[in-house]
Amino acid sequence: MDKISEIIKLKKNGLFYYNRIILPFEGYLLKVIIDDEIITDFSTTSKYAYVKEEDGFMNIYFKEFKNLSEIISKYEAIKIVIVEKGKDIFNMKNHRKLALYLEENHVLKIEATDDDILFIE
């Protein structure tokens, strides 16, 4: 399992297909900001998003959208707040803010954001 910091440093990418993004790490998802939606409910009954963890990666399915590339332009990002699996979720220093950019050929570019980038708290 790759760590988030390794993914960022090595500039590894994720993938996206229609309403699904695939991240090359495991973690505890706390918040997603996509389009004008702020999603914090990732339970099985959530009407917005469903998270499925696999061995070494995780899937996020956005139930409200059929095709993410029709909603998110190449200049916009899906923003997430996540804690790496195995780290203390209650330690705010472990909360990573990431920006996910949809690129060509289903590539999902993953970048760490600066602390001064606006995330709705």
N, C-alpha and C. Protein backbone atom coordinates (compact mmCIF):
# COMPACT_ATOMS: atom_id res chain seq x y z
N MET A 1 0.85 -1.18 0.00
CA MET A 1 0.00 0.00 0.00
C MET A 1 0.89 1.24 0.00
N ASP A 2 0.65 2.13 -0.96
CA ASP A 2 1.40 3.37 -1.03
C ASP A 2 0.83 4.39 -0.05
N LYS A 3 1.70 5.22 0.47
CA LYS A 3 1.28 6.29 1.36
C LYS A 3 0.96 7.52 0.51
N ILE A 4 0.08 8.36 1.04
CA ILE A 4 -0.32 9.56 0.31
C ILE A 4 0.90 10.42 -0.02
N SER A 5 1.79 10.59 0.94
CA SER A 5 2.98 11.43 0.71
C SER A 5 3.85 10.87 -0.42
N GLU A 6 3.94 9.54 -0.53
CA GLU A 6 4.70 8.92 -1.62
C GLU A 6 4.03 9.17 -2.97
N ILE A 7 2.72 9.07 -2.98
CA ILE A 7 1.95 9.29 -4.21
C ILE A 7 2.20 10.72 -4.71
N ILE A 8 2.15 11.69 -3.79
CA ILE A 8 2.36 13.09 -4.16
C ILE A 8 3.80 13.30 -4.65
N LYS A 9 4.76 12.79 -3.89
CA LYS A 9 6.18 12.98 -4.22
C LYS A 9 6.53 12.37 -5.58
N LEU A 10 6.02 11.17 -5.84
CA LEU A 10 6.33 10.46 -7.09
C LEU A 10 5.39 10.85 -8.25
N LYS A 11 4.44 11.74 -7.94
CA LYS A 11 3.46 12.21 -8.94
C LYS A 11 2.70 11.05 -9.58
N LYS A 12 2.31 10.09 -8.75
CA LYS A 12 1.48 8.99 -9.25
C LYS A 12 0.06 9.50 -9.44
N ASN A 13 -0.62 8.91 -10.39
CA ASN A 13 -1.98 9.32 -10.70
C ASN A 13 -2.99 8.28 -10.27
N GLY A 14 -4.23 8.72 -10.18
CA GLY A 14 -5.35 7.83 -10.01
C GLY A 14 -6.04 7.68 -11.36
N LEU A 15 -7.25 7.17 -11.32
CA LEU A 15 -8.05 6.98 -12.53
C LEU A 15 -9.46 7.49 -12.30
N PHE A 16 -10.17 7.78 -13.38
CA PHE A 16 -11.59 8.08 -13.27
C PHE A 16 -12.32 7.48 -14.47
N TYR A 17 -13.50 6.98 -14.21
CA TYR A 17 -14.38 6.45 -15.24
C TYR A 17 -15.80 6.85 -14.88
N TYR A 18 -16.41 7.64 -15.74
CA TYR A 18 -17.79 8.10 -15.57
C TYR A 18 -17.98 8.73 -14.19
N ASN A 19 -18.68 8.06 -13.27
CA ASN A 19 -18.96 8.65 -11.95
C ASN A 19 -18.04 8.09 -10.86
N ARG A 20 -16.98 7.44 -11.25
CA ARG A 20 -16.10 6.74 -10.30
C ARG A 20 -14.68 7.29 -10.38
N ILE A 21 -14.08 7.53 -9.20
CA ILE A 21 -12.65 7.83 -9.15
C ILE A 21 -11.96 6.72 -8.37
N ILE A 22 -10.74 6.42 -8.79
CA ILE A 22 -9.94 5.36 -8.17
C ILE A 22 -8.66 6.01 -7.66
N LEU A 23 -8.46 5.95 -6.35
CA LEU A 23 -7.28 6.55 -5.72
C LEU A 23 -6.28 5.46 -5.36
N PRO A 24 -4.98 5.67 -5.63
CA PRO A 24 -3.97 4.63 -5.42
C PRO A 24 -3.46 4.53 -3.99
N PHE A 25 -4.35 4.72 -3.04
CA PHE A 25 -4.03 4.60 -1.61
C PHE A 25 -5.32 4.34 -0.86
N GLU A 26 -5.20 3.95 0.39
CA GLU A 26 -6.36 3.72 1.25
C GLU A 26 -6.42 4.82 2.29
N GLY A 27 -7.63 5.20 2.68
CA GLY A 27 -7.75 6.24 3.68
C GLY A 27 -9.16 6.39 4.20
N TYR A 28 -9.29 7.27 5.18
CA TYR A 28 -10.58 7.61 5.77
C TYR A 28 -11.01 8.93 5.16
N LEU A 29 -12.02 8.90 4.33
CA LEU A 29 -12.49 10.09 3.65
C LEU A 29 -13.37 10.90 4.59
N LEU A 30 -13.05 12.18 4.77
CA LEU A 30 -13.80 13.05 5.66
C LEU A 30 -14.72 14.00 4.91
N LYS A 31 -14.25 14.50 3.77
CA LYS A 31 -15.04 15.49 3.03
C LYS A 31 -14.64 15.49 1.56
N VAL A 32 -15.65 15.71 0.71
CA VAL A 32 -15.41 15.89 -0.72
C VAL A 32 -16.16 17.14 -1.15
N ILE A 33 -15.48 17.99 -1.89
CA ILE A 33 -16.12 19.16 -2.50
C ILE A 33 -16.05 18.95 -4.00
N ILE A 34 -17.23 18.80 -4.61
CA ILE A 34 -17.31 18.55 -6.05
C ILE A 34 -18.41 19.42 -6.61
N ASP A 35 -18.09 20.15 -7.66
CA ASP A 35 -19.02 21.11 -8.24
C ASP A 35 -19.43 22.07 -7.12
N ASP A 36 -20.70 22.17 -6.80
CA ASP A 36 -21.11 23.02 -5.67
C ASP A 36 -21.61 22.19 -4.49
N GLU A 37 -21.27 20.93 -4.48
CA GLU A 37 -21.69 20.02 -3.41
C GLU A 37 -20.56 19.79 -2.40
N ILE A 38 -20.92 19.80 -1.12
CA ILE A 38 -20.00 19.41 -0.05
C ILE A 38 -20.55 18.12 0.52
N ILE A 39 -19.78 17.05 0.38
CA ILE A 39 -20.25 15.72 0.79
C ILE A 39 -19.45 15.27 2.00
N THR A 40 -20.17 14.89 3.06
CA THR A 40 -19.52 14.36 4.26
C THR A 40 -20.11 13.02 4.69
N ASP A 41 -21.18 12.60 4.02
CA ASP A 41 -21.81 11.32 4.34
C ASP A 41 -21.38 10.29 3.30
N PHE A 42 -20.62 9.31 3.76
CA PHE A 42 -20.14 8.25 2.88
C PHE A 42 -20.67 6.89 3.33
N SER A 43 -21.77 6.92 4.07
CA SER A 43 -22.38 5.68 4.54
C SER A 43 -23.01 4.95 3.36
N THR A 44 -23.38 3.72 3.58
CA THR A 44 -23.97 2.93 2.51
C THR A 44 -25.31 3.49 2.05
N THR A 45 -25.96 4.29 2.90
CA THR A 45 -27.26 4.86 2.54
C THR A 45 -27.15 6.27 1.98
N SER A 46 -25.95 6.79 1.83
CA SER A 46 -25.76 8.14 1.30
C SER A 46 -26.30 8.24 -0.12
N LYS A 47 -26.98 9.33 -0.41
CA LYS A 47 -27.48 9.52 -1.77
C LYS A 47 -26.46 10.21 -2.67
N TYR A 48 -25.34 10.64 -2.10
CA TYR A 48 -24.34 11.38 -2.87
C TYR A 48 -23.12 10.57 -3.29
N ALA A 49 -22.56 9.79 -2.35
CA ALA A 49 -21.31 9.10 -2.66
C ALA A 49 -21.21 7.78 -1.90
N TYR A 50 -20.48 6.87 -2.50
CA TYR A 50 -20.22 5.57 -1.89
C TYR A 50 -18.73 5.30 -2.01
N VAL A 51 -18.11 4.89 -0.90
CA VAL A 51 -16.68 4.59 -0.88
C VAL A 51 -16.49 3.09 -0.71
N LYS A 52 -15.66 2.52 -1.57
CA LYS A 52 -15.35 1.10 -1.47
C LYS A 52 -13.84 0.94 -1.43
N GLU A 53 -13.36 0.37 -0.33
CA GLU A 53 -11.92 0.14 -0.19
C GLU A 53 -11.55 -1.23 -0.74
N GLU A 54 -10.43 -1.25 -1.42
CA GLU A 54 -9.85 -2.48 -1.94
C GLU A 54 -8.47 -2.61 -1.33
N ASP A 55 -7.77 -3.67 -1.65
CA ASP A 55 -6.42 -3.85 -1.13
C ASP A 55 -5.46 -2.93 -1.87
N GLY A 56 -5.05 -1.84 -1.23
CA GLY A 56 -4.09 -0.91 -1.82
C GLY A 56 -4.67 0.27 -2.57
N PHE A 57 -5.98 0.32 -2.73
CA PHE A 57 -6.60 1.47 -3.40
C PHE A 57 -8.04 1.62 -2.93
N MET A 58 -8.65 2.73 -3.31
CA MET A 58 -10.04 2.95 -2.94
C MET A 58 -10.81 3.56 -4.10
N ASN A 59 -12.10 3.24 -4.15
CA ASN A 59 -13.02 3.75 -5.16
C ASN A 59 -13.99 4.71 -4.50
N ILE A 60 -14.30 5.79 -5.19
CA ILE A 60 -15.37 6.68 -4.75
C ILE A 60 -16.34 6.79 -5.92
N TYR A 61 -17.59 6.42 -5.67
CA TYR A 61 -18.65 6.50 -6.66
C TYR A 61 -19.54 7.69 -6.31
N PHE A 62 -19.71 8.60 -7.25
CA PHE A 62 -20.57 9.76 -7.04
C PHE A 62 -21.93 9.48 -7.65
N LYS A 63 -22.91 9.22 -6.80
CA LYS A 63 -24.22 8.77 -7.23
C LYS A 63 -25.03 9.86 -7.95
N GLU A 64 -24.75 11.12 -7.67
CA GLU A 64 -25.51 12.23 -8.24
C GLU A 64 -25.08 12.56 -9.68
N PHE A 65 -23.93 12.07 -10.08
CA PHE A 65 -23.38 12.43 -11.39
C PHE A 65 -23.23 11.18 -12.26
N LYS A 66 -23.60 11.31 -13.54
CA LYS A 66 -23.41 10.19 -14.47
C LYS A 66 -21.99 10.16 -15.01
N ASN A 67 -21.45 11.36 -15.29
CA ASN A 67 -20.14 11.44 -15.91
C ASN A 67 -19.41 12.67 -15.35
N LEU A 68 -18.38 12.44 -14.56
CA LEU A 68 -17.66 13.54 -13.91
C LEU A 68 -17.05 14.52 -14.91
N SER A 69 -16.60 14.03 -16.05
CA SER A 69 -15.97 14.91 -17.03
C SER A 69 -16.96 15.89 -17.67
N GLU A 70 -18.25 15.64 -17.53
CA GLU A 70 -19.26 16.58 -18.01
C GLU A 70 -19.54 17.66 -16.97
N ILE A 71 -19.15 17.43 -15.73
CA ILE A 71 -19.42 18.37 -14.63
C ILE A 71 -18.17 19.18 -14.28
N ILE A 72 -17.02 18.53 -14.27
CA ILE A 72 -15.77 19.14 -13.82
C ILE A 72 -14.89 19.44 -15.04
N SER A 73 -14.52 20.70 -15.22
CA SER A 73 -13.64 21.05 -16.34
C SER A 73 -12.19 20.73 -15.97
N LYS A 74 -11.31 20.79 -16.97
CA LYS A 74 -9.91 20.48 -16.70
C LYS A 74 -9.24 21.54 -15.83
N TYR A 75 -9.90 22.68 -15.64
CA TYR A 75 -9.35 23.75 -14.80
C TYR A 75 -9.88 23.70 -13.37
N GLU A 76 -10.87 22.86 -13.13
CA GLU A 76 -11.46 22.72 -11.80
C GLU A 76 -10.94 21.45 -11.15
N ALA A 77 -11.12 21.37 -9.85
CA ALA A 77 -10.66 20.19 -9.12
C ALA A 77 -11.76 19.67 -8.21
N ILE A 78 -11.70 18.38 -7.97
CA ILE A 78 -12.46 17.77 -6.89
C ILE A 78 -11.55 17.88 -5.68
N LYS A 79 -12.04 18.46 -4.60
CA LYS A 79 -11.20 18.63 -3.41
C LYS A 79 -11.64 17.61 -2.37
N ILE A 80 -10.66 16.99 -1.72
CA ILE A 80 -10.98 16.02 -0.68
C ILE A 80 -10.14 16.29 0.57
N VAL A 81 -10.71 15.91 1.70
CA VAL A 81 -9.97 15.88 2.96
C VAL A 81 -9.97 14.42 3.38
N ILE A 82 -8.78 13.88 3.60
CA ILE A 82 -8.62 12.45 3.85
C ILE A 82 -7.53 12.22 4.89
N VAL A 83 -7.67 11.13 5.64
CA VAL A 83 -6.64 10.70 6.58
C VAL A 83 -6.14 9.35 6.08
N GLU A 84 -4.84 9.23 5.98
CA GLU A 84 -4.24 7.98 5.52
C GLU A 84 -4.63 6.83 6.45
N LYS A 85 -4.94 5.69 5.87
CA LYS A 85 -5.33 4.52 6.65
C LYS A 85 -4.22 4.16 7.64
N GLY A 86 -4.61 3.92 8.88
CA GLY A 86 -3.66 3.58 9.92
C GLY A 86 -3.20 4.76 10.75
N LYS A 87 -3.50 5.98 10.30
CA LYS A 87 -3.13 7.19 11.05
C LYS A 87 -4.29 7.61 11.94
N ASP A 88 -3.98 8.41 12.96
CA ASP A 88 -4.97 8.89 13.92
C ASP A 88 -5.89 9.92 13.27
N ILE A 89 -7.14 9.56 13.10
CA ILE A 89 -8.12 10.44 12.46
C ILE A 89 -8.41 11.69 13.30
N PHE A 90 -8.16 11.61 14.61
CA PHE A 90 -8.47 12.72 15.52
C PHE A 90 -7.33 13.72 15.63
N ASN A 91 -6.19 13.42 15.04
CA ASN A 91 -5.07 14.35 15.01
C ASN A 91 -5.19 15.18 13.72
N MET A 92 -5.48 16.46 13.87
CA MET A 92 -5.72 17.32 12.71
C MET A 92 -4.52 17.41 11.77
N LYS A 93 -3.32 17.14 12.28
CA LYS A 93 -2.13 17.17 11.43
C LYS A 93 -2.16 16.05 10.39
N ASN A 94 -2.96 15.03 10.63
CA ASN A 94 -3.08 13.91 9.70
C ASN A 94 -4.12 14.15 8.61
N HIS A 95 -4.88 15.24 8.70
CA HIS A 95 -5.90 15.55 7.71
C HIS A 95 -5.21 16.14 6.48
N ARG A 96 -5.24 15.39 5.37
CA ARG A 96 -4.59 15.82 4.12
C ARG A 96 -5.63 16.44 3.20
N LYS A 97 -5.31 17.59 2.65
CA LYS A 97 -6.18 18.25 1.68
C LYS A 97 -5.58 18.02 0.29
N LEU A 98 -6.37 17.39 -0.56
CA LEU A 98 -5.89 17.04 -1.89
C LEU A 98 -6.82 17.62 -2.96
N ALA A 99 -6.25 17.94 -4.09
CA ALA A 99 -7.02 18.36 -5.26
C ALA A 99 -6.85 17.30 -6.34
N LEU A 100 -7.96 16.91 -6.93
CA LEU A 100 -7.98 15.86 -7.96
C LEU A 100 -8.43 16.48 -9.28
N TYR A 101 -7.60 16.36 -10.30
CA TYR A 101 -7.90 16.95 -11.60
C TYR A 101 -8.14 15.85 -12.63
N LEU A 102 -9.24 15.99 -13.38
CA LEU A 102 -9.56 15.04 -14.44
C LEU A 102 -8.76 15.41 -15.68
N GLU A 103 -7.96 14.48 -16.17
CA GLU A 103 -7.15 14.73 -17.36
C GLU A 103 -7.56 13.76 -18.46
N GLU A 104 -6.88 13.83 -19.58
CA GLU A 104 -7.20 12.95 -20.71
C GLU A 104 -6.90 11.50 -20.39
N ASN A 105 -7.55 10.61 -21.13
CA ASN A 105 -7.33 9.16 -21.04
C ASN A 105 -7.59 8.61 -19.64
N HIS A 106 -8.58 9.17 -18.96
CA HIS A 106 -9.04 8.69 -17.65
C HIS A 106 -8.02 8.90 -16.52
N VAL A 107 -7.04 9.74 -16.74
CA VAL A 107 -6.01 10.01 -15.72
C VAL A 107 -6.55 11.01 -14.70
N LEU A 108 -6.36 10.68 -13.43
CA LEU A 108 -6.75 11.55 -12.32
C LEU A 108 -5.47 12.07 -11.66
N LYS A 109 -5.16 13.33 -11.89
CA LYS A 109 -3.95 13.95 -11.32
C LYS A 109 -4.23 14.30 -9.86
N ILE A 110 -3.31 13.91 -8.97
CA ILE A 110 -3.47 14.11 -7.53
C ILE A 110 -2.42 15.10 -7.06
N GLU A 111 -2.87 16.18 -6.42
CA GLU A 111 -1.94 17.18 -5.90
C GLU A 111 -2.30 17.52 -4.46
N ALA A 112 -1.28 17.74 -3.65
CA ALA A 112 -1.50 18.28 -2.31
C ALA A 112 -1.79 19.76 -2.47
N THR A 113 -2.68 20.29 -1.65
CA THR A 113 -2.98 21.71 -1.72
C THR A 113 -2.26 22.44 -0.60
N ASP A 114 -2.03 23.71 -0.83
CA ASP A 114 -1.46 24.55 0.22
C ASP A 114 -2.51 24.73 1.31
N ASP A 115 -2.04 24.98 2.52
CA ASP A 115 -2.98 25.19 3.62
C ASP A 115 -3.85 26.42 3.42
N ASP A 116 -3.38 27.38 2.62
CA ASP A 116 -4.17 28.59 2.42
C ASP A 116 -5.18 28.48 1.28
N ILE A 117 -5.23 27.33 0.60
CA ILE A 117 -6.27 27.10 -0.41
C ILE A 117 -7.60 26.96 0.34
N LEU A 118 -8.63 27.57 -0.21
CA LEU A 118 -9.93 27.58 0.47
C LEU A 118 -10.58 26.20 0.42
N PHE A 119 -10.81 25.65 1.58
CA PHE A 119 -11.63 24.46 1.76
C PHE A 119 -12.73 24.88 2.72
N ILE A 120 -13.96 24.66 2.37
CA ILE A 120 -15.05 25.01 3.27
C ILE A 120 -14.96 24.12 4.49
N GLU A 121 -14.82 24.71 5.64
CA GLU A 121 -14.68 23.94 6.89
C GLU A 121 -16.01 23.74 7.57
